[in-house]
All heavy atoms as atom14 arrays in JSON, in Angstrom:
{
  "sequence": "AAHRLKEADAVLAMYHDQGLPVLKHASFGEGVNITLGLPIIRTSVDHG",
  "atom14_mask": [
    [1, 1, 1, 1, 1, 0, 0, 0, 0, 0, 0, 0, 0, 0],
    [1, 1, 1, 1, 1, 0, 0, 0, 0, 0, 0, 0, 0, 0],
    [1, 1, 1, 1, 1, 1, 1, 1, 1, 1, 0, 0, 0, 0],
    [1, 1, 1, 1, 1, 1, 1, 1, 1, 1, 1, 0, 0, 0],
    [1, 1, 1, 1, 1, 1, 1, 1, 0, 0, 0, 0, 0, 0],
    [1, 1, 1, 1, 1, 1, 1, 1, 1, 0, 0, 0, 0, 0],
    [1, 1, 1, 1, 1, 1, 1, 1, 1, 0, 0, 0, 0, 0],
    [1, 1, 1, 1, 1, 0, 0, 0, 0, 0, 0, 0, 0, 0],
    [1, 1, 1, 1, 1, 1, 1, 1, 0, 0, 0, 0, 0, 0],
    [1, 1, 1, 1, 1, 0, 0, 0, 0, 0, 0, 0, 0, 0],
    [1, 1, 1, 1, 1, 1, 1, 0, 0, 0, 0, 0, 0, 0],
    [1, 1, 1, 1, 1, 1, 1, 1, 0, 0, 0, 0, 0, 0],
    [1, 1, 1, 1, 1, 0, 0, 0, 0, 0, 0, 0, 0, 0],
    [1, 1, 1, 1, 1, 1, 1, 1, 0, 0, 0, 0, 0, 0],
    [1, 1, 1, 1, 1, 1, 1, 1, 1, 1, 1, 1, 0, 0],
    [1, 1, 1, 1, 1, 1, 1, 1, 1, 1, 0, 0, 0, 0],
    [1, 1, 1, 1, 1, 1, 1, 1, 0, 0, 0, 0, 0, 0],
    [1, 1, 1, 1, 1, 1, 1, 1, 1, 0, 0, 0, 0, 0],
    [1, 1, 1, 1, 0, 0, 0, 0, 0, 0, 0, 0, 0, 0],
    [1, 1, 1, 1, 1, 1, 1, 1, 0, 0, 0, 0, 0, 0],
    [1, 1, 1, 1, 1, 1, 1, 0, 0, 0, 0, 0, 0, 0],
    [1, 1, 1, 1, 1, 1, 1, 0, 0, 0, 0, 0, 0, 0],
    [1, 1, 1, 1, 1, 1, 1, 1, 0, 0, 0, 0, 0, 0],
    [1, 1, 1, 1, 1, 1, 1, 1, 1, 0, 0, 0, 0, 0],
    [1, 1, 1, 1, 1, 1, 1, 1, 1, 1, 0, 0, 0, 0],
    [1, 1, 1, 1, 1, 0, 0, 0, 0, 0, 0, 0, 0, 0],
    [1, 1, 1, 1, 1, 1, 0, 0, 0, 0, 0, 0, 0, 0],
    [1, 1, 1, 1, 1, 1, 1, 1, 1, 1, 1, 0, 0, 0],
    [1, 1, 1, 1, 0, 0, 0, 0, 0, 0, 0, 0, 0, 0],
    [1, 1, 1, 1, 1, 1, 1, 1, 1, 0, 0, 0, 0, 0],
    [1, 1, 1, 1, 0, 0, 0, 0, 0, 0, 0, 0, 0, 0],
    [1, 1, 1, 1, 1, 1, 1, 0, 0, 0, 0, 0, 0, 0],
    [1, 1, 1, 1, 1, 1, 1, 1, 0, 0, 0, 0, 0, 0],
    [1, 1, 1, 1, 1, 1, 1, 1, 0, 0, 0, 0, 0, 0],
    [1, 1, 1, 1, 1, 1, 1, 0, 0, 0, 0, 0, 0, 0],
    [1, 1, 1, 1, 1, 1, 1, 1, 0, 0, 0, 0, 0, 0],
    [1, 1, 1, 1, 0, 0, 0, 0, 0, 0, 0, 0, 0, 0],
    [1, 1, 1, 1, 1, 1, 1, 1, 0, 0, 0, 0, 0, 0],
    [1, 1, 1, 1, 1, 1, 1, 0, 0, 0, 0, 0, 0, 0],
    [1, 1, 1, 1, 1, 1, 1, 1, 0, 0, 0, 0, 0, 0],
    [1, 1, 1, 1, 1, 1, 1, 1, 0, 0, 0, 0, 0, 0],
    [1, 1, 1, 1, 1, 1, 1, 1, 1, 1, 1, 0, 0, 0],
    [1, 1, 1, 1, 1, 1, 1, 0, 0, 0, 0, 0, 0, 0],
    [1, 1, 1, 1, 1, 1, 0, 0, 0, 0, 0, 0, 0, 0],
    [1, 1, 1, 1, 1, 1, 1, 0, 0, 0, 0, 0, 0, 0],
    [1, 1, 1, 1, 1, 1, 1, 1, 0, 0, 0, 0, 0, 0],
    [1, 1, 1, 1, 1, 1, 1, 1, 1, 1, 0, 0, 0, 0],
    [1, 1, 1, 1, 0, 0, 0, 0, 0, 0, 0, 0, 0, 0]
  ],
  "atom14_positions": [
    [[-4.59, 2.52, -13.29], [-5.87, 3.05, -13.88], [-6.99, 2.26, -13.16], [-6.85, 1.11, -12.81], [-5.87, 2.83, -15.37], [0.0, 0.0, 0.0], [0.0, 0.0, 0.0], [0.0, 0.0, 0.0], [0.0, 0.0, 0.0], [0.0, 0.0, 0.0], [0.0, 0.0, 0.0], [0.0, 0.0, 0.0], [0.0, 0.0, 0.0], [0.0, 0.0, 0.0]],
    [[-8.14, 2.93, -13.04], [-9.3, 2.33, -12.27], [-9.71, 0.99, -12.87], [-9.97, 0.02, -12.14], [-10.43, 3.23, -12.28], [0.0, 0.0, 0.0], [0.0, 0.0, 0.0], [0.0, 0.0, 0.0], [0.0, 0.0, 0.0], [0.0, 0.0, 0.0], [0.0, 0.0, 0.0], [0.0, 0.0, 0.0], [0.0, 0.0, 0.0], [0.0, 0.0, 0.0]],
    [[-9.77, 0.82, -14.25], [-10.22, -0.36, -14.78], [-9.25, -1.53, -14.45], [-9.64, -2.73, -14.37], [-10.4, -0.21, -16.29], [-9.18, -0.14, -17.07], [-8.47, 1.04, -17.24], [-8.43, -1.04, -17.83], [-7.38, 0.89, -17.96], [-7.37, -0.32, -18.32], [0.0, 0.0, 0.0], [0.0, 0.0, 0.0], [0.0, 0.0, 0.0], [0.0, 0.0, 0.0]],
    [[-7.94, -1.29, -14.38], [-6.94, -2.27, -14.02], [-7.14, -2.7, -12.46], [-7.16, -3.91, -12.24], [-5.6, -1.75, -14.16], [-5.09, -1.58, -15.61], [-4.42, -2.82, -16.02], [-3.73, -2.73, -17.25], [-3.41, -3.73, -18.08], [-3.75, -4.93, -17.77], [-2.8, -3.56, -19.23], [0.0, 0.0, 0.0], [0.0, 0.0, 0.0], [0.0, 0.0, 0.0]],
    [[-7.27, -1.78, -11.69], [-7.39, -2.03, -10.31], [-8.62, -2.83, -9.89], [-8.64, -3.54, -8.86], [-7.35, -0.73, -9.44], [-5.99, 0.04, -9.57], [-6.03, 1.3, -8.75], [-4.83, -0.82, -9.03], [0.0, 0.0, 0.0], [0.0, 0.0, 0.0], [0.0, 0.0, 0.0], [0.0, 0.0, 0.0], [0.0, 0.0, 0.0], [0.0, 0.0, 0.0]],
    [[-9.68, -2.67, -10.75], [-10.88, -3.46, -10.43], [-10.6, -4.96, -10.55], [-11.34, -5.81, -9.99], [-11.99, -3.09, -11.42], [-12.58, -1.71, -11.1], [-13.7, -1.49, -12.13], [-14.32, -0.12, -11.93], [-15.38, 0.25, -12.88], [0.0, 0.0, 0.0], [0.0, 0.0, 0.0], [0.0, 0.0, 0.0], [0.0, 0.0, 0.0], [0.0, 0.0, 0.0]],
    [[-9.53, -5.3, -11.27], [-9.12, -6.73, -11.5], [-8.16, -7.23, -10.47], [-7.76, -8.43, -10.59], [-8.54, -6.84, -12.86], [-9.42, -6.28, -14.04], [-8.58, -6.26, -15.29], [-7.34, -6.64, -15.3], [-9.11, -5.88, -16.32], [0.0, 0.0, 0.0], [0.0, 0.0, 0.0], [0.0, 0.0, 0.0], [0.0, 0.0, 0.0], [0.0, 0.0, 0.0]],
    [[-7.86, -6.43, -9.53], [-6.8, -6.81, -8.57], [-7.09, -6.79, -7.12], [-7.94, -5.99, -6.66], [-5.56, -5.83, -8.81], [0.0, 0.0, 0.0], [0.0, 0.0, 0.0], [0.0, 0.0, 0.0], [0.0, 0.0, 0.0], [0.0, 0.0, 0.0], [0.0, 0.0, 0.0], [0.0, 0.0, 0.0], [0.0, 0.0, 0.0], [0.0, 0.0, 0.0]],
    [[-6.46, -7.7, -6.31], [-6.56, -7.63, -4.87], [-5.26, -7.02, -4.33], [-5.32, -6.42, -3.18], [-6.62, -9.07, -4.35], [-7.91, -9.78, -4.78], [-9.0, -9.19, -4.48], [-7.81, -10.85, -5.39], [0.0, 0.0, 0.0], [0.0, 0.0, 0.0], [0.0, 0.0, 0.0], [0.0, 0.0, 0.0], [0.0, 0.0, 0.0], [0.0, 0.0, 0.0]],
    [[-4.21, -6.91, -5.15], [-3.04, -6.28, -4.68], [-2.08, -5.94, -5.89], [-2.23, -6.6, -6.95], [-2.24, -7.11, -3.7], [0.0, 0.0, 0.0], [0.0, 0.0, 0.0], [0.0, 0.0, 0.0], [0.0, 0.0, 0.0], [0.0, 0.0, 0.0], [0.0, 0.0, 0.0], [0.0, 0.0, 0.0], [0.0, 0.0, 0.0], [0.0, 0.0, 0.0]],
    [[-1.28, -4.95, -5.75], [-0.26, -4.6, -6.74], [1.07, -4.79, -6.15], [1.29, -4.52, -4.99], [-0.4, -3.14, -7.19], [0.75, -2.8, -8.08], [-1.73, -2.98, -7.9], [0.0, 0.0, 0.0], [0.0, 0.0, 0.0], [0.0, 0.0, 0.0], [0.0, 0.0, 0.0], [0.0, 0.0, 0.0], [0.0, 0.0, 0.0], [0.0, 0.0, 0.0]],
    [[1.96, -5.42, -6.92], [3.38, -5.53, -6.46], [4.2, -4.51, -7.31], [4.35, -4.7, -8.6], [3.92, -6.92, -6.67], [5.38, -7.1, -6.29], [5.58, -6.83, -4.74], [5.92, -8.51, -6.6], [0.0, 0.0, 0.0], [0.0, 0.0, 0.0], [0.0, 0.0, 0.0], [0.0, 0.0, 0.0], [0.0, 0.0, 0.0], [0.0, 0.0, 0.0]],
    [[4.76, -3.51, -6.64], [5.63, -2.58, -7.21], [7.05, -3.0, -7.04], [7.39, -3.63, -5.99], [5.39, -1.18, -6.71], [0.0, 0.0, 0.0], [0.0, 0.0, 0.0], [0.0, 0.0, 0.0], [0.0, 0.0, 0.0], [0.0, 0.0, 0.0], [0.0, 0.0, 0.0], [0.0, 0.0, 0.0], [0.0, 0.0, 0.0], [0.0, 0.0, 0.0]],
    [[7.95, -2.56, -7.88], [9.33, -3.01, -7.8], [10.15, -2.13, -6.88], [11.21, -2.58, -6.3], [10.03, -3.05, -9.16], [9.48, -4.02, -10.15], [9.67, -5.77, -9.5], [8.0, -6.11, -8.99], [0.0, 0.0, 0.0], [0.0, 0.0, 0.0], [0.0, 0.0, 0.0], [0.0, 0.0, 0.0], [0.0, 0.0, 0.0], [0.0, 0.0, 0.0]],
    [[9.7, -0.87, -6.6], [10.5, -0.02, -5.69], [9.55, 0.91, -5.06], [8.48, 1.17, -5.53], [11.66, 0.65, -6.4], [11.39, 1.44, -7.65], [11.12, 2.78, -7.52], [11.24, 0.9, -8.91], [10.73, 3.58, -8.61], [11.05, 1.57, -9.98], [10.76, 2.91, -9.86], [10.46, 3.7, -11.0], [0.0, 0.0, 0.0], [0.0, 0.0, 0.0]],
    [[10.05, 1.54, -3.95], [9.34, 2.42, -3.05], [8.5, 3.46, -3.8], [7.25, 3.56, -3.61], [10.29, 3.01, -2.07], [9.71, 3.8, -1.03], [9.25, 5.07, -1.14], [9.44, 3.46, 0.3], [8.73, 5.51, 0.06], [8.87, 4.53, 0.98], [0.0, 0.0, 0.0], [0.0, 0.0, 0.0], [0.0, 0.0, 0.0], [0.0, 0.0, 0.0]],
    [[9.12, 4.31, -4.58], [8.43, 5.43, -5.15], [7.81, 5.12, -6.48], [7.2, 6.0, -7.15], [9.4, 6.6, -5.36], [9.73, 7.34, -4.05], [9.33, 6.81, -2.96], [10.3, 8.42, -4.09], [0.0, 0.0, 0.0], [0.0, 0.0, 0.0], [0.0, 0.0, 0.0], [0.0, 0.0, 0.0], [0.0, 0.0, 0.0], [0.0, 0.0, 0.0]],
    [[7.71, 3.82, -6.86], [6.92, 3.43, -8.0], [5.48, 3.24, -7.59], [4.57, 3.5, -8.31], [7.46, 2.12, -8.59], [6.78, 1.66, -9.86], [7.32, 0.31, -10.33], [7.3, -0.66, -9.6], [7.74, 0.27, -11.59], [0.0, 0.0, 0.0], [0.0, 0.0, 0.0], [0.0, 0.0, 0.0], [0.0, 0.0, 0.0], [0.0, 0.0, 0.0]],
    [[5.34, 2.66, -6.35], [3.97, 2.33, -5.99], [3.31, 3.21, -4.9], [2.11, 3.48, -4.92], [0.0, 0.0, 0.0], [0.0, 0.0, 0.0], [0.0, 0.0, 0.0], [0.0, 0.0, 0.0], [0.0, 0.0, 0.0], [0.0, 0.0, 0.0], [0.0, 0.0, 0.0], [0.0, 0.0, 0.0], [0.0, 0.0, 0.0], [0.0, 0.0, 0.0]],
    [[4.15, 3.73, -3.97], [3.57, 4.35, -2.79], [3.0, 5.79, -3.13], [2.05, 6.2, -2.4], [4.62, 4.47, -1.7], [5.0, 3.07, -1.14], [5.64, 3.26, 0.16], [3.76, 2.14, -1.05], [0.0, 0.0, 0.0], [0.0, 0.0, 0.0], [0.0, 0.0, 0.0], [0.0, 0.0, 0.0], [0.0, 0.0, 0.0], [0.0, 0.0, 0.0]],
    [[3.59, 6.55, -4.03], [2.92, 7.87, -4.29], [1.48, 7.8, -4.72], [0.66, 8.57, -4.28], [3.83, 8.44, -5.45], [5.14, 7.82, -5.2], [4.85, 6.37, -4.78], [0.0, 0.0, 0.0], [0.0, 0.0, 0.0], [0.0, 0.0, 0.0], [0.0, 0.0, 0.0], [0.0, 0.0, 0.0], [0.0, 0.0, 0.0], [0.0, 0.0, 0.0]],
    [[1.18, 6.73, -5.54], [-0.26, 6.59, -5.88], [-1.15, 6.25, -4.69], [-2.22, 6.9, -4.54], [-0.35, 5.39, -6.92], [-1.83, 5.23, -7.35], [0.5, 5.74, -8.15], [0.0, 0.0, 0.0], [0.0, 0.0, 0.0], [0.0, 0.0, 0.0], [0.0, 0.0, 0.0], [0.0, 0.0, 0.0], [0.0, 0.0, 0.0], [0.0, 0.0, 0.0]],
    [[-0.62, 5.34, -3.89], [-1.45, 4.95, -2.71], [-1.65, 6.13, -1.75], [-2.75, 6.44, -1.26], [-0.91, 3.74, -1.96], [-1.8, 3.21, -0.87], [-1.85, 1.8, -0.86], [-1.27, 3.7, 0.46], [0.0, 0.0, 0.0], [0.0, 0.0, 0.0], [0.0, 0.0, 0.0], [0.0, 0.0, 0.0], [0.0, 0.0, 0.0], [0.0, 0.0, 0.0]],
    [[-0.53, 6.83, -1.51], [-0.63, 7.91, -0.51], [-1.43, 9.04, -1.04], [-2.09, 9.79, -0.33], [0.75, 8.36, -0.14], [1.47, 7.34, 0.72], [2.71, 7.82, 1.45], [3.32, 6.71, 2.28], [4.5, 7.21, 3.17], [0.0, 0.0, 0.0], [0.0, 0.0, 0.0], [0.0, 0.0, 0.0], [0.0, 0.0, 0.0], [0.0, 0.0, 0.0]],
    [[-1.37, 9.25, -2.35], [-2.26, 10.31, -2.94], [-3.8, 10.02, -2.66], [-4.59, 10.89, -2.33], [-1.99, 10.4, -4.42], [-3.06, 11.32, -5.14], [-3.02, 12.7, -4.97], [-4.08, 11.05, -5.95], [-3.97, 13.24, -5.76], [-4.68, 12.23, -6.28], [0.0, 0.0, 0.0], [0.0, 0.0, 0.0], [0.0, 0.0, 0.0], [0.0, 0.0, 0.0]],
    [[-4.06, 8.67, -2.73], [-5.48, 8.24, -2.61], [-5.9, 8.16, -1.14], [-7.09, 8.4, -0.86], [-5.67, 6.89, -3.24], [0.0, 0.0, 0.0], [0.0, 0.0, 0.0], [0.0, 0.0, 0.0], [0.0, 0.0, 0.0], [0.0, 0.0, 0.0], [0.0, 0.0, 0.0], [0.0, 0.0, 0.0], [0.0, 0.0, 0.0], [0.0, 0.0, 0.0]],
    [[-4.98, 7.99, -0.21], [-5.41, 7.7, 1.18], [-4.53, 8.25, 2.3], [-4.57, 7.75, 3.32], [-5.59, 6.2, 1.36], [-4.32, 5.51, 1.18], [0.0, 0.0, 0.0], [0.0, 0.0, 0.0], [0.0, 0.0, 0.0], [0.0, 0.0, 0.0], [0.0, 0.0, 0.0], [0.0, 0.0, 0.0], [0.0, 0.0, 0.0], [0.0, 0.0, 0.0]],
    [[-3.71, 9.26, 1.95], [-2.79, 9.73, 3.02], [-3.57, 10.13, 4.26], [-4.53, 10.92, 4.13], [-1.86, 10.85, 2.52], [-0.82, 11.18, 3.5], [0.31, 10.38, 3.61], [-0.85, 12.29, 4.27], [1.3, 10.58, 4.53], [0.18, 12.61, 5.19], [1.25, 11.8, 5.37], [0.0, 0.0, 0.0], [0.0, 0.0, 0.0], [0.0, 0.0, 0.0]],
    [[-3.05, 9.77, 5.45], [-3.72, 10.05, 6.67], [-4.66, 9.0, 7.12], [-5.18, 9.0, 8.26], [0.0, 0.0, 0.0], [0.0, 0.0, 0.0], [0.0, 0.0, 0.0], [0.0, 0.0, 0.0], [0.0, 0.0, 0.0], [0.0, 0.0, 0.0], [0.0, 0.0, 0.0], [0.0, 0.0, 0.0], [0.0, 0.0, 0.0], [0.0, 0.0, 0.0]],
    [[-5.05, 8.09, 6.24], [-5.99, 7.05, 6.55], [-5.46, 5.7, 6.06], [-6.2, 4.77, 5.96], [-7.38, 7.27, 6.02], [-8.03, 8.51, 6.7], [-9.46, 8.75, 6.28], [-9.9, 8.07, 5.29], [-10.07, 9.58, 6.83], [0.0, 0.0, 0.0], [0.0, 0.0, 0.0], [0.0, 0.0, 0.0], [0.0, 0.0, 0.0], [0.0, 0.0, 0.0]],
    [[-4.19, 5.69, 5.52], [-3.59, 4.49, 5.03], [-2.93, 3.68, 6.14], [-2.83, 4.09, 7.27], [0.0, 0.0, 0.0], [0.0, 0.0, 0.0], [0.0, 0.0, 0.0], [0.0, 0.0, 0.0], [0.0, 0.0, 0.0], [0.0, 0.0, 0.0], [0.0, 0.0, 0.0], [0.0, 0.0, 0.0], [0.0, 0.0, 0.0], [0.0, 0.0, 0.0]],
    [[-2.66, 2.45, 5.82], [-2.08, 1.47, 6.83], [-0.83, 0.84, 6.22], [-0.86, 0.38, 5.07], [-3.09, 0.36, 7.14], [-2.58, -0.59, 8.2], [-4.4, 0.96, 7.63], [0.0, 0.0, 0.0], [0.0, 0.0, 0.0], [0.0, 0.0, 0.0], [0.0, 0.0, 0.0], [0.0, 0.0, 0.0], [0.0, 0.0, 0.0], [0.0, 0.0, 0.0]],
    [[0.2, 0.79, 7.02], [1.4, 0.08, 6.63], [1.42, -1.26, 7.26], [1.22, -1.37, 8.54], [2.64, 0.88, 7.14], [3.97, 0.41, 6.63], [4.13, -0.75, 6.32], [4.98, 1.29, 6.63], [0.0, 0.0, 0.0], [0.0, 0.0, 0.0], [0.0, 0.0, 0.0], [0.0, 0.0, 0.0], [0.0, 0.0, 0.0], [0.0, 0.0, 0.0]],
    [[1.6, -2.29, 6.54], [1.47, -3.69, 6.9], [2.78, -4.52, 6.62], [3.29, -4.32, 5.47], [0.29, -4.4, 6.23], [-1.01, -3.61, 6.41], [0.18, -5.86, 6.7], [-2.05, -3.93, 5.41], [0.0, 0.0, 0.0], [0.0, 0.0, 0.0], [0.0, 0.0, 0.0], [0.0, 0.0, 0.0], [0.0, 0.0, 0.0], [0.0, 0.0, 0.0]],
    [[3.34, -5.15, 7.61], [4.46, -5.94, 7.35], [4.05, -7.42, 7.11], [3.61, -8.09, 8.06], [5.44, -5.89, 8.56], [5.73, -4.5, 8.83], [6.73, -6.57, 8.23], [0.0, 0.0, 0.0], [0.0, 0.0, 0.0], [0.0, 0.0, 0.0], [0.0, 0.0, 0.0], [0.0, 0.0, 0.0], [0.0, 0.0, 0.0], [0.0, 0.0, 0.0]],
    [[4.33, -7.89, 5.91], [3.99, -9.3, 5.59], [5.2, -10.12, 5.83], [6.35, -9.74, 5.74], [3.56, -9.39, 4.15], [2.42, -8.45, 3.62], [2.18, -8.66, 2.18], [1.17, -8.64, 4.48], [0.0, 0.0, 0.0], [0.0, 0.0, 0.0], [0.0, 0.0, 0.0], [0.0, 0.0, 0.0], [0.0, 0.0, 0.0], [0.0, 0.0, 0.0]],
    [[4.96, -11.44, 6.02], [6.03, -12.39, 6.17], [6.43, -12.61, 7.61], [7.16, -13.65, 7.9], [0.0, 0.0, 0.0], [0.0, 0.0, 0.0], [0.0, 0.0, 0.0], [0.0, 0.0, 0.0], [0.0, 0.0, 0.0], [0.0, 0.0, 0.0], [0.0, 0.0, 0.0], [0.0, 0.0, 0.0], [0.0, 0.0, 0.0], [0.0, 0.0, 0.0]],
    [[6.02, -11.76, 8.56], [6.34, -12.0, 9.92], [5.54, -13.16, 10.57], [4.38, -13.44, 10.11], [6.07, -10.74, 10.78], [7.0, -9.51, 10.54], [6.38, -8.28, 11.26], [8.42, -9.83, 10.96], [0.0, 0.0, 0.0], [0.0, 0.0, 0.0], [0.0, 0.0, 0.0], [0.0, 0.0, 0.0], [0.0, 0.0, 0.0], [0.0, 0.0, 0.0]],
    [[5.96, -13.82, 11.61], [5.14, -14.79, 12.28], [4.04, -14.16, 13.17], [3.23, -14.84, 13.73], [6.17, -15.56, 13.11], [7.2, -14.65, 13.4], [7.38, -13.76, 12.13], [0.0, 0.0, 0.0], [0.0, 0.0, 0.0], [0.0, 0.0, 0.0], [0.0, 0.0, 0.0], [0.0, 0.0, 0.0], [0.0, 0.0, 0.0], [0.0, 0.0, 0.0]],
    [[4.02, -12.88, 13.25], [3.03, -12.15, 14.03], [2.4, -11.08, 13.08], [2.85, -10.76, 12.05], [3.68, -11.39, 15.23], [4.71, -10.37, 14.75], [4.37, -12.36, 16.19], [5.3, -9.52, 15.89], [0.0, 0.0, 0.0], [0.0, 0.0, 0.0], [0.0, 0.0, 0.0], [0.0, 0.0, 0.0], [0.0, 0.0, 0.0], [0.0, 0.0, 0.0]],
    [[1.26, -10.59, 13.57], [0.52, -9.47, 12.77], [1.12, -8.17, 13.25], [1.18, -7.82, 14.41], [-0.95, -9.64, 12.99], [-1.46, -10.86, 12.37], [-1.7, -8.38, 12.57], [-2.91, -11.21, 12.68], [0.0, 0.0, 0.0], [0.0, 0.0, 0.0], [0.0, 0.0, 0.0], [0.0, 0.0, 0.0], [0.0, 0.0, 0.0], [0.0, 0.0, 0.0]],
    [[1.52, -7.37, 12.22], [1.89, -5.95, 12.57], [1.45, -4.96, 11.53], [1.6, -5.22, 10.31], [3.45, -5.93, 12.55], [3.99, -4.5, 12.92], [4.49, -3.68, 11.75], [4.76, -2.29, 12.05], [5.46, -1.51, 11.18], [5.9, -1.95, 10.01], [5.68, -0.31, 11.51], [0.0, 0.0, 0.0], [0.0, 0.0, 0.0], [0.0, 0.0, 0.0]],
    [[0.78, -4.0, 12.01], [0.34, -2.8, 11.16], [0.84, -1.56, 11.78], [1.23, -1.52, 12.87], [-1.13, -2.77, 10.92], [-1.74, -2.45, 12.17], [-1.75, -4.13, 10.36], [0.0, 0.0, 0.0], [0.0, 0.0, 0.0], [0.0, 0.0, 0.0], [0.0, 0.0, 0.0], [0.0, 0.0, 0.0], [0.0, 0.0, 0.0], [0.0, 0.0, 0.0]],
    [[0.81, -0.52, 10.99], [1.27, 0.78, 11.42], [0.54, 1.94, 10.73], [-0.12, 1.69, 9.71], [2.81, 0.89, 11.18], [3.33, 2.11, 11.79], [0.0, 0.0, 0.0], [0.0, 0.0, 0.0], [0.0, 0.0, 0.0], [0.0, 0.0, 0.0], [0.0, 0.0, 0.0], [0.0, 0.0, 0.0], [0.0, 0.0, 0.0], [0.0, 0.0, 0.0]],
    [[0.8, 3.11, 11.17], [0.3, 4.34, 10.52], [1.08, 4.61, 9.32], [2.13, 4.06, 9.07], [0.36, 5.48, 11.52], [-0.6, 5.32, 12.7], [1.73, 5.75, 11.99], [0.0, 0.0, 0.0], [0.0, 0.0, 0.0], [0.0, 0.0, 0.0], [0.0, 0.0, 0.0], [0.0, 0.0, 0.0], [0.0, 0.0, 0.0], [0.0, 0.0, 0.0]],
    [[0.57, 5.47, 8.41], [1.29, 5.74, 7.23], [1.97, 7.11, 7.22], [2.29, 7.63, 6.23], [0.27, 5.78, 5.96], [-0.73, 6.9, 6.03], [-0.82, 7.61, 7.11], [-1.42, 7.09, 4.98], [0.0, 0.0, 0.0], [0.0, 0.0, 0.0], [0.0, 0.0, 0.0], [0.0, 0.0, 0.0], [0.0, 0.0, 0.0], [0.0, 0.0, 0.0]],
    [[2.18, 7.64, 8.51], [2.84, 8.96, 8.59], [3.86, 8.92, 9.65], [4.11, 7.89, 10.34], [1.74, 9.98, 8.99], [0.96, 9.66, 10.22], [1.49, 9.73, 11.53], [-0.23, 9.22, 10.36], [0.59, 9.42, 12.38], [-0.47, 9.05, 11.76], [0.0, 0.0, 0.0], [0.0, 0.0, 0.0], [0.0, 0.0, 0.0], [0.0, 0.0, 0.0]],
    [[4.6, 10.06, 9.82], [5.73, 10.18, 10.72], [5.33, 10.73, 12.08], [4.15, 10.81, 12.43], [0.0, 0.0, 0.0], [0.0, 0.0, 0.0], [0.0, 0.0, 0.0], [0.0, 0.0, 0.0], [0.0, 0.0, 0.0], [0.0, 0.0, 0.0], [0.0, 0.0, 0.0], [0.0, 0.0, 0.0], [0.0, 0.0, 0.0], [0.0, 0.0, 0.0]]
  ]
}
């Protein structure tokens, strides 16, 4: 919900389809896939 997200810098979802449908609904085609934890910076497109 919008009032919750105003309080957040990030959301941690427990599984793939718990979190990503919401994000892709909001920004599909302009979203970014980011791999955290690597010693290098890596981003990617959000589509196939």
